[in-house]
PDB file of all heavy atoms in Angstrom:
ATOM      1  N   PRO A   1      -3.437 -20.329  -2.283  1.00  0.00           N
ATOM      2  CA  PRO A   1      -2.082 -20.283  -2.824  1.00  0.00           C
ATOM      3  C   PRO A   1      -1.957 -19.311  -3.988  1.00  0.00           C
ATOM      4  O   PRO A   1      -2.931 -19.009  -4.680  1.00  0.00           O
ATOM      5  CB  PRO A   1      -1.832 -21.732  -3.285  1.00  0.00           C
ATOM      6  CG  PRO A   1      -3.199 -22.309  -3.474  1.00  0.00           C
ATOM      7  CD  PRO A   1      -4.073 -21.643  -2.460  1.00  0.00           C
ATOM      8  N   PHE A   2      -0.746 -18.832  -4.187  1.00  0.00           N
ATOM      9  CA  PHE A   2      -0.474 -17.906  -5.279  1.00  0.00           C
ATOM     10  C   PHE A   2      -0.510 -18.637  -6.623  1.00  0.00           C
ATOM     11  O   PHE A   2      -0.257 -19.828  -6.704  1.00  0.00           O
ATOM     12  CB  PHE A   2       0.907 -17.266  -5.107  1.00  0.00           C
ATOM     13  CG  PHE A   2       1.001 -16.358  -3.922  1.00  0.00           C
ATOM     14  CD1 PHE A   2       1.560 -16.800  -2.737  1.00  0.00           C
ATOM     15  CD2 PHE A   2       0.537 -15.054  -3.986  1.00  0.00           C
ATOM     16  CE1 PHE A   2       1.654 -15.967  -1.641  1.00  0.00           C
ATOM     17  CE2 PHE A   2       0.630 -14.207  -2.903  1.00  0.00           C
ATOM     18  CZ  PHE A   2       1.192 -14.658  -1.724  1.00  0.00           C
ATOM     19  N   ALA A   3      -0.771 -17.854  -7.666  1.00  0.00           N
ATOM     20  CA  ALA A   3      -0.824 -18.418  -9.023  1.00  0.00           C
ATOM     21  C   ALA A   3       0.539 -18.269  -9.694  1.00  0.00           C
ATOM     22  O   ALA A   3       0.708 -17.489 -10.622  1.00  0.00           O
ATOM     23  CB  ALA A   3      -1.905 -17.722  -9.837  1.00  0.00           C
ATOM     24  N   GLY A   4       1.515 -19.004  -9.189  1.00  0.00           N
ATOM     25  CA  GLY A   4       2.831 -18.997  -9.824  1.00  0.00           C
ATOM     26  C   GLY A   4       3.824 -18.072  -9.133  1.00  0.00           C
ATOM     27  O   GLY A   4       3.458 -17.180  -8.376  1.00  0.00           O
ATOM     28  N   PRO A   5       5.123 -18.285  -9.406  1.00  0.00           N
ATOM     29  CA  PRO A   5       6.184 -17.498  -8.761  1.00  0.00           C
ATOM     30  C   PRO A   5       6.079 -16.000  -9.018  1.00  0.00           C
ATOM     31  O   PRO A   5       6.393 -15.199  -8.140  1.00  0.00           O
ATOM     32  CB  PRO A   5       7.468 -18.081  -9.377  1.00  0.00           C
ATOM     33  CG  PRO A   5       7.099 -19.462  -9.819  1.00  0.00           C
ATOM     34  CD  PRO A   5       5.670 -19.370 -10.241  1.00  0.00           C
ATOM     35  N   GLN A   6       5.650 -15.590 -10.203  1.00  0.00           N
ATOM     36  CA  GLN A   6       5.556 -14.165 -10.488  1.00  0.00           C
ATOM     37  C   GLN A   6       4.516 -13.488  -9.599  1.00  0.00           C
ATOM     38  O   GLN A   6       4.675 -12.323  -9.223  1.00  0.00           O
ATOM     39  CB  GLN A   6       5.225 -13.941 -11.965  1.00  0.00           C
ATOM     40  CG  GLN A   6       6.344 -14.356 -12.901  1.00  0.00           C
ATOM     41  CD  GLN A   6       7.666 -13.692 -12.554  1.00  0.00           C
ATOM     42  OE1 GLN A   6       7.733 -12.502 -12.280  1.00  0.00           O
ATOM     43  NE2 GLN A   6       8.733 -14.471 -12.574  1.00  0.00           N
ATOM     44  N   ALA A   7       3.455 -14.218  -9.251  1.00  0.00           N
ATOM     45  CA  ALA A   7       2.465 -13.666  -8.332  1.00  0.00           C
ATOM     46  C   ALA A   7       3.054 -13.497  -6.941  1.00  0.00           C
ATOM     47  O   ALA A   7       2.705 -12.562  -6.215  1.00  0.00           O
ATOM     48  CB  ALA A   7       1.233 -14.576  -8.275  1.00  0.00           C
ATOM     49  N   VAL A   8       3.963 -14.391  -6.559  1.00  0.00           N
ATOM     50  CA  VAL A   8       4.650 -14.260  -5.276  1.00  0.00           C
ATOM     51  C   VAL A   8       5.466 -12.981  -5.254  1.00  0.00           C
ATOM     52  O   VAL A   8       5.432 -12.203  -4.292  1.00  0.00           O
ATOM     53  CB  VAL A   8       5.562 -15.484  -5.015  1.00  0.00           C
ATOM     54  CG1 VAL A   8       6.332 -15.303  -3.709  1.00  0.00           C
ATOM     55  CG2 VAL A   8       4.738 -16.756  -4.971  1.00  0.00           C
ATOM     56  N   LEU A   9       6.215 -12.744  -6.320  1.00  0.00           N
ATOM     57  CA  LEU A   9       7.030 -11.528  -6.390  1.00  0.00           C
ATOM     58  C   LEU A   9       6.165 -10.280  -6.381  1.00  0.00           C
ATOM     59  O   LEU A   9       6.503  -9.281  -5.733  1.00  0.00           O
ATOM     60  CB  LEU A   9       7.903 -11.554  -7.646  1.00  0.00           C
ATOM     61  CG  LEU A   9       9.078 -12.532  -7.638  1.00  0.00           C
ATOM     62  CD1 LEU A   9       9.801 -12.478  -8.972  1.00  0.00           C
ATOM     63  CD2 LEU A   9      10.040 -12.207  -6.509  1.00  0.00           C
ATOM     64  N   ALA A  10       5.036 -10.319  -7.091  1.00  0.00           N
ATOM     65  CA  ALA A  10       4.152  -9.156  -7.110  1.00  0.00           C
ATOM     66  C   ALA A  10       3.619  -8.874  -5.712  1.00  0.00           C
ATOM     67  O   ALA A  10       3.515  -7.717  -5.285  1.00  0.00           O
ATOM     68  CB  ALA A  10       3.001  -9.398  -8.080  1.00  0.00           C
ATOM     69  N   TYR A  11       3.281  -9.928  -4.988  1.00  0.00           N
ATOM     70  CA  TYR A  11       2.801  -9.752  -3.616  1.00  0.00           C
ATOM     71  C   TYR A  11       3.895  -9.176  -2.729  1.00  0.00           C
ATOM     72  O   TYR A  11       3.665  -8.237  -1.963  1.00  0.00           O
ATOM     73  CB  TYR A  11       2.336 -11.099  -3.060  1.00  0.00           C
ATOM     74  CG  TYR A  11       1.997 -11.048  -1.588  1.00  0.00           C
ATOM     75  CD1 TYR A  11       0.739 -10.640  -1.167  1.00  0.00           C
ATOM     76  CD2 TYR A  11       2.952 -11.375  -0.633  1.00  0.00           C
ATOM     77  CE1 TYR A  11       0.430 -10.578   0.172  1.00  0.00           C
ATOM     78  CE2 TYR A  11       2.651 -11.311   0.705  1.00  0.00           C
ATOM     79  CZ  TYR A  11       1.394 -10.916   1.114  1.00  0.00           C
ATOM     80  OH  TYR A  11       1.106 -10.845   2.442  1.00  0.00           O
ATOM     81  N   LEU A  12       5.091  -9.759  -2.824  1.00  0.00           N
ATOM     82  CA  LEU A  12       6.196  -9.294  -1.984  1.00  0.00           C
ATOM     83  C   LEU A  12       6.516  -7.829  -2.246  1.00  0.00           C
ATOM     84  O   LEU A  12       6.847  -7.078  -1.331  1.00  0.00           O
ATOM     85  CB  LEU A  12       7.439 -10.163  -2.225  1.00  0.00           C
ATOM     86  CG  LEU A  12       7.391 -11.572  -1.642  1.00  0.00           C
ATOM     87  CD1 LEU A  12       8.607 -12.371  -2.081  1.00  0.00           C
ATOM     88  CD2 LEU A  12       7.304 -11.537  -0.125  1.00  0.00           C
ATOM     89  N   SER A  13       6.415  -7.421  -3.513  1.00  0.00           N
ATOM     90  CA  SER A  13       6.728  -6.037  -3.844  1.00  0.00           C
ATOM     91  C   SER A  13       5.747  -5.074  -3.174  1.00  0.00           C
ATOM     92  O   SER A  13       6.080  -3.913  -2.933  1.00  0.00           O
ATOM     93  CB  SER A  13       6.691  -5.832  -5.360  1.00  0.00           C
ATOM     94  OG  SER A  13       5.381  -5.985  -5.866  1.00  0.00           O
ATOM     95  N   ARG A  14       4.537  -5.556  -2.860  1.00  0.00           N
ATOM     96  CA  ARG A  14       3.552  -4.697  -2.210  1.00  0.00           C
ATOM     97  C   ARG A  14       3.669  -4.732  -0.695  1.00  0.00           C
ATOM     98  O   ARG A  14       3.277  -3.790  -0.021  1.00  0.00           O
ATOM     99  CB  ARG A  14       2.128  -5.128  -2.595  1.00  0.00           C
ATOM    100  CG  ARG A  14       1.791  -4.954  -4.060  1.00  0.00           C
ATOM    101  CD  ARG A  14       0.287  -5.075  -4.288  1.00  0.00           C
ATOM    102  NE  ARG A  14      -0.252  -6.318  -3.763  1.00  0.00           N
ATOM    103  CZ  ARG A  14      -0.359  -7.442  -4.461  1.00  0.00           C
ATOM    104  NH1 ARG A  14       0.074  -7.481  -5.711  1.00  0.00           N
ATOM    105  NH2 ARG A  14      -0.872  -8.528  -3.925  1.00  0.00           N
ATOM    106  N   TYR A  15       4.191  -5.821  -0.132  1.00  0.00           N
ATOM    107  CA  TYR A  15       4.132  -6.002   1.310  1.00  0.00           C
ATOM    108  C   TYR A  15       5.445  -5.812   2.059  1.00  0.00           C
ATOM    109  O   TYR A  15       5.435  -5.380   3.197  1.00  0.00           O
ATOM    110  CB  TYR A  15       3.594  -7.415   1.631  1.00  0.00           C
ATOM    111  CG  TYR A  15       2.094  -7.454   1.750  1.00  0.00           C
ATOM    112  CD1 TYR A  15       1.297  -7.399   0.612  1.00  0.00           C
ATOM    113  CD2 TYR A  15       1.477  -7.543   2.983  1.00  0.00           C
ATOM    114  CE1 TYR A  15      -0.085  -7.431   0.704  1.00  0.00           C
ATOM    115  CE2 TYR A  15       0.095  -7.572   3.082  1.00  0.00           C
ATOM    116  CZ  TYR A  15      -0.678  -7.521   1.943  1.00  0.00           C
ATOM    117  OH  TYR A  15      -2.044  -7.541   2.038  1.00  0.00           O
ATOM    118  N   THR A  16       6.559  -6.170   1.459  1.00  0.00           N
ATOM    119  CA  THR A  16       7.801  -6.181   2.231  1.00  0.00           C
ATOM    120  C   THR A  16       8.230  -4.805   2.698  1.00  0.00           C
ATOM    121  O   THR A  16       8.693  -4.639   3.826  1.00  0.00           O
ATOM    122  CB  THR A  16       8.948  -6.804   1.409  1.00  0.00           C
ATOM    123  OG1 THR A  16       9.038  -6.116   0.149  1.00  0.00           O
ATOM    124  CG2 THR A  16       8.722  -8.274   1.172  1.00  0.00           C
ATOM    125  N   HIS A  17       8.099  -3.796   1.860  1.00  0.00           N
ATOM    126  CA  HIS A  17       8.580  -2.465   2.203  1.00  0.00           C
ATOM    127  C   HIS A  17       7.429  -1.469   2.349  1.00  0.00           C
ATOM    128  O   HIS A  17       7.591  -0.280   2.137  1.00  0.00           O
ATOM    129  CB  HIS A  17       9.586  -1.985   1.155  1.00  0.00           C
ATOM    130  CG  HIS A  17      10.858  -2.773   1.157  1.00  0.00           C
ATOM    131  ND1 HIS A  17      10.944  -4.048   0.635  1.00  0.00           N
ATOM    132  CD2 HIS A  17      12.081  -2.487   1.643  1.00  0.00           C
ATOM    133  CE1 HIS A  17      12.177  -4.492   0.788  1.00  0.00           C
ATOM    134  NE2 HIS A  17      12.881  -3.578   1.394  1.00  0.00           N
ATOM    135  N   ARG A  18       6.273  -1.962   2.715  1.00  0.00           N
ATOM    136  CA  ARG A  18       5.117  -1.088   2.931  1.00  0.00           C
ATOM    137  C   ARG A  18       5.278  -0.339   4.259  1.00  0.00           C
ATOM    138  O   ARG A  18       5.858  -0.857   5.223  1.00  0.00           O
ATOM    139  CB  ARG A  18       3.846  -1.922   2.945  1.00  0.00           C
ATOM    140  CG  ARG A  18       2.580  -1.125   3.172  1.00  0.00           C
ATOM    141  CD  ARG A  18       1.350  -1.995   3.112  1.00  0.00           C
ATOM    142  NE  ARG A  18       1.037  -2.427   1.754  1.00  0.00           N
ATOM    143  CZ  ARG A  18      -0.036  -3.127   1.431  1.00  0.00           C
ATOM    144  NH1 ARG A  18      -0.894  -3.484   2.358  1.00  0.00           N
ATOM    145  NH2 ARG A  18      -0.262  -3.484   0.180  1.00  0.00           N
ATOM    146  N   VAL A  19       4.744   0.875   4.315  1.00  0.00           N
ATOM    147  CA  VAL A  19       4.715   1.652   5.556  1.00  0.00           C
ATOM    148  C   VAL A  19       3.267   1.762   6.020  1.00  0.00           C
ATOM    149  O   VAL A  19       2.353   1.281   5.347  1.00  0.00           O
ATOM    150  CB  VAL A  19       5.341   3.047   5.365  1.00  0.00           C
ATOM    151  CG1 VAL A  19       6.808   2.931   4.980  1.00  0.00           C
ATOM    152  CG2 VAL A  19       4.585   3.847   4.313  1.00  0.00           C
ATOM    153  N   ALA A  20       3.055   2.403   7.179  1.00  0.00           N
ATOM    154  CA  ALA A  20       1.731   2.411   7.797  1.00  0.00           C
ATOM    155  C   ALA A  20       0.654   2.961   6.872  1.00  0.00           C
ATOM    156  O   ALA A  20      -0.474   2.468   6.863  1.00  0.00           O
ATOM    157  CB  ALA A  20       1.776   3.200   9.103  1.00  0.00           C
ATOM    158  N   ILE A  21       0.967   3.997   6.104  1.00  0.00           N
ATOM    159  CA  ILE A  21       0.007   4.546   5.158  1.00  0.00           C
ATOM    160  C   ILE A  21       0.766   5.113   3.971  1.00  0.00           C
ATOM    161  O   ILE A  21       1.814   5.741   4.137  1.00  0.00           O
ATOM    162  CB  ILE A  21      -0.892   5.626   5.802  1.00  0.00           C
ATOM    163  CG1 ILE A  21      -2.013   6.045   4.834  1.00  0.00           C
ATOM    164  CG2 ILE A  21      -0.076   6.813   6.276  1.00  0.00           C
ATOM    165  CD1 ILE A  21      -3.081   6.900   5.482  1.00  0.00           C
ATOM    166  N   SER A  22       0.268   4.884   2.775  1.00  0.00           N
ATOM    167  CA  SER A  22       0.903   5.418   1.574  1.00  0.00           C
ATOM    168  C   SER A  22       0.296   6.769   1.237  1.00  0.00           C
ATOM    169  O   SER A  22      -0.841   7.079   1.621  1.00  0.00           O
ATOM    170  CB  SER A  22       0.726   4.465   0.392  1.00  0.00           C
ATOM    171  OG  SER A  22      -0.644   4.370   0.034  1.00  0.00           O
ATOM    172  N   ASN A  23       1.044   7.566   0.506  1.00  0.00           N
ATOM    173  CA  ASN A  23       0.537   8.879   0.098  1.00  0.00           C
ATOM    174  C   ASN A  23      -0.707   8.771  -0.784  1.00  0.00           C
ATOM    175  O   ASN A  23      -1.553   9.670  -0.804  1.00  0.00           O
ATOM    176  CB  ASN A  23       1.626   9.653  -0.647  1.00  0.00           C
ATOM    177  CG  ASN A  23       2.759  10.081   0.267  1.00  0.00           C
ATOM    178  OD1 ASN A  23       2.523  10.380   1.434  1.00  0.00           O
ATOM    179  ND2 ASN A  23       3.973  10.091  -0.254  1.00  0.00           N
ATOM    180  N   ARG A  24      -0.843   7.675  -1.509  1.00  0.00           N
ATOM    181  CA  ARG A  24      -1.987   7.497  -2.412  1.00  0.00           C
ATOM    182  C   ARG A  24      -3.312   7.442  -1.661  1.00  0.00           C
ATOM    183  O   ARG A  24      -4.357   7.725  -2.240  1.00  0.00           O
ATOM    184  CB  ARG A  24      -1.819   6.230  -3.239  1.00  0.00           C
ATOM    185  CG  ARG A  24      -0.659   6.251  -4.217  1.00  0.00           C
ATOM    186  CD  ARG A  24      -0.743   5.065  -5.164  1.00  0.00           C
ATOM    187  NE  ARG A  24      -0.740   3.810  -4.444  1.00  0.00           N
ATOM    188  CZ  ARG A  24       0.353   3.157  -4.081  1.00  0.00           C
ATOM    189  NH1 ARG A  24       1.548   3.666  -4.354  1.00  0.00           N
ATOM    190  NH2 ARG A  24       0.275   2.006  -3.434  1.00  0.00           N
ATOM    191  N   ARG A  25      -3.277   7.064  -0.386  1.00  0.00           N
ATOM    192  CA  ARG A  25      -4.517   6.935   0.381  1.00  0.00           C
ATOM    193  C   ARG A  25      -4.974   8.253   0.989  1.00  0.00           C
ATOM    194  O   ARG A  25      -6.097   8.351   1.487  1.00  0.00           O
ATOM    195  CB  ARG A  25      -4.334   5.891   1.485  1.00  0.00           C
ATOM    196  CG  ARG A  25      -4.222   4.462   0.967  1.00  0.00           C
ATOM    197  CD  ARG A  25      -3.845   3.506   2.082  1.00  0.00           C
ATOM    198  NE  ARG A  25      -4.777   3.604   3.198  1.00  0.00           N
ATOM    199  CZ  ARG A  25      -4.522   3.135   4.409  1.00  0.00           C
ATOM    200  NH1 ARG A  25      -3.354   2.564   4.664  1.00  0.00           N
ATOM    201  NH2 ARG A  25      -5.404   3.257   5.382  1.00  0.00           N
ATOM    202  N   LEU A  26      -4.132   9.275   0.956  1.00  0.00           N
ATOM    203  CA  LEU A  26      -4.495  10.569   1.539  1.00  0.00           C
ATOM    204  C   LEU A  26      -5.413  11.325   0.589  1.00  0.00           C
ATOM    205  O   LEU A  26      -5.153  11.418  -0.611  1.00  0.00           O
ATOM    206  CB  LEU A  26      -3.241  11.391   1.817  1.00  0.00           C
ATOM    207  CG  LEU A  26      -2.232  10.770   2.798  1.00  0.00           C
ATOM    208  CD1 LEU A  26      -1.010  11.654   2.918  1.00  0.00           C
ATOM    209  CD2 LEU A  26      -2.870  10.543   4.158  1.00  0.00           C
ATOM    210  N   LEU A  27      -6.478  11.896   1.137  1.00  0.00           N
ATOM    211  CA  LEU A  27      -7.460  12.609   0.325  1.00  0.00           C
ATOM    212  C   LEU A  27      -7.473  14.112   0.589  1.00  0.00           C
ATOM    213  O   LEU A  27      -7.629  14.904  -0.339  1.00  0.00           O
ATOM    214  CB  LEU A  27      -8.867  12.043   0.575  1.00  0.00           C
ATOM    215  CG  LEU A  27      -9.073  10.555   0.235  1.00  0.00           C
ATOM    216  CD1 LEU A  27     -10.470  10.124   0.612  1.00  0.00           C
ATOM    217  CD2 LEU A  27      -8.783  10.282  -1.235  1.00  0.00           C
ATOM    218  N   ALA A  28      -7.360  14.518   1.847  1.00  0.00           N
ATOM    219  CA  ALA A  28      -7.457  15.947   2.169  1.00  0.00           C
ATOM    220  C   ALA A  28      -6.760  16.228   3.489  1.00  0.00           C
ATOM    221  O   ALA A  28      -6.647  15.358   4.362  1.00  0.00           O
ATOM    222  CB  ALA A  28      -8.918  16.385   2.247  1.00  0.00           C
ATOM    223  N   PHE A  29      -6.300  17.476   3.637  1.00  0.00           N
ATOM    224  CA  PHE A  29      -5.680  17.956   4.870  1.00  0.00           C
ATOM    225  C   PHE A  29      -6.101  19.405   5.055  1.00  0.00           C
ATOM    226  O   PHE A  29      -5.725  20.269   4.261  1.00  0.00           O
ATOM    227  CB  PHE A  29      -4.154  17.819   4.769  1.00  0.00           C
ATOM    228  CG  PHE A  29      -3.406  18.464   5.898  1.00  0.00           C
ATOM    229  CD1 PHE A  29      -3.813  18.294   7.208  1.00  0.00           C
ATOM    230  CD2 PHE A  29      -2.288  19.256   5.646  1.00  0.00           C
ATOM    231  CE1 PHE A  29      -3.122  18.897   8.255  1.00  0.00           C
ATOM    232  CE2 PHE A  29      -1.591  19.860   6.665  1.00  0.00           C
ATOM    233  CZ  PHE A  29      -2.006  19.678   7.979  1.00  0.00           C
ATOM    234  N   ASN A  30      -6.912  19.654   6.084  1.00  0.00           N
ATOM    235  CA  ASN A  30      -7.424  21.000   6.323  1.00  0.00           C
ATOM    236  C   ASN A  30      -7.714  21.179   7.812  1.00  0.00           C
ATOM    237  O   ASN A  30      -7.217  20.400   8.647  1.00  0.00           O
ATOM    238  CB  ASN A  30      -8.669  21.256   5.480  1.00  0.00           C
ATOM    239  CG  ASN A  30      -9.693  20.121   5.616  1.00  0.00           C
ATOM    240  OD1 ASN A  30      -9.872  19.567   6.701  1.00  0.00           O
ATOM    241  ND2 ASN A  30     -10.334  19.768   4.512  1.00  0.00           N
ATOM    242  N   GLU A  31      -8.534  22.198   8.154  1.00  0.00           N
ATOM    243  CA  GLU A  31      -8.825  22.488   9.547  1.00  0.00           C
ATOM    244  C   GLU A  31      -9.519  21.324  10.250  1.00  0.00           C
ATOM    245  O   GLU A  31      -9.379  21.135  11.467  1.00  0.00           O
ATOM    246  CB  GLU A  31      -9.709  23.738   9.657  1.00  0.00           C
ATOM    247  CG  GLU A  31      -9.063  25.018   9.145  1.00  0.00           C
ATOM    248  CD  GLU A  31      -9.129  25.120   7.631  1.00  0.00           C
ATOM    249  OE1 GLU A  31      -9.764  24.235   6.996  1.00  0.00           O
ATOM    250  OE2 GLU A  31      -8.547  26.069   7.073  1.00  0.00           O
ATOM    251  N   ALA A  32     -10.270  20.538   9.489  1.00  0.00           N
ATOM    252  CA  ALA A  32     -10.980  19.403  10.085  1.00  0.00           C
ATOM    253  C   ALA A  32     -10.048  18.253  10.433  1.00  0.00           C
ATOM    254  O   ALA A  32     -10.387  17.407  11.259  1.00  0.00           O
ATOM    255  CB  ALA A  32     -12.065  18.916   9.125  1.00  0.00           C
ATOM    256  N   GLY A  33      -8.888  18.195   9.812  1.00  0.00           N
ATOM    257  CA  GLY A  33      -7.939  17.122  10.067  1.00  0.00           C
ATOM    258  C   GLY A  33      -7.452  16.487   8.784  1.00  0.00           C
ATOM    259  O   GLY A  33      -7.413  17.128   7.721  1.00  0.00           O
ATOM    260  N   VAL A  34      -7.110  15.212   8.860  1.00  0.00           N
ATOM    261  CA  VAL A  34      -6.581  14.463   7.722  1.00  0.00           C
ATOM    262  C   VAL A  34      -7.616  13.421   7.299  1.00  0.00           C
ATOM    263  O   VAL A  34      -8.074  12.621   8.115  1.00  0.00           O
ATOM    264  CB  VAL A  34      -5.253  13.769   8.070  1.00  0.00           C
ATOM    265  CG1 VAL A  34      -4.707  13.030   6.851  1.00  0.00           C
ATOM    266  CG2 VAL A  34      -4.231  14.768   8.585  1.00  0.00           C
ATOM    267  N   THR A  35      -7.966  13.452   6.032  1.00  0.00           N
ATOM    268  CA  THR A  35      -8.942  12.499   5.487  1.00  0.00           C
ATOM    269  C   THR A  35      -8.216  11.500   4.595  1.00  0.00           C
ATOM    270  O   THR A  35      -7.405  11.893   3.749  1.00  0.00           O
ATOM    271  CB  THR A  35     -10.023  13.228   4.670  1.00  0.00           C
ATOM    272  OG1 THR A  35     -10.664  14.205   5.511  1.00  0.00           O
ATOM    273  CG2 THR A  35     -11.070  12.255   4.159  1.00  0.00           C
TER     274      THR A  35
END
């Protein structure tokens, strides 16, 4: 269980409007492909 209502909101803020991959996870884009 979550540690209080604020933890619920923090979780929802990360999950409700998430897309397949965030820009933060991208490392490189070159001839080899996408890392």
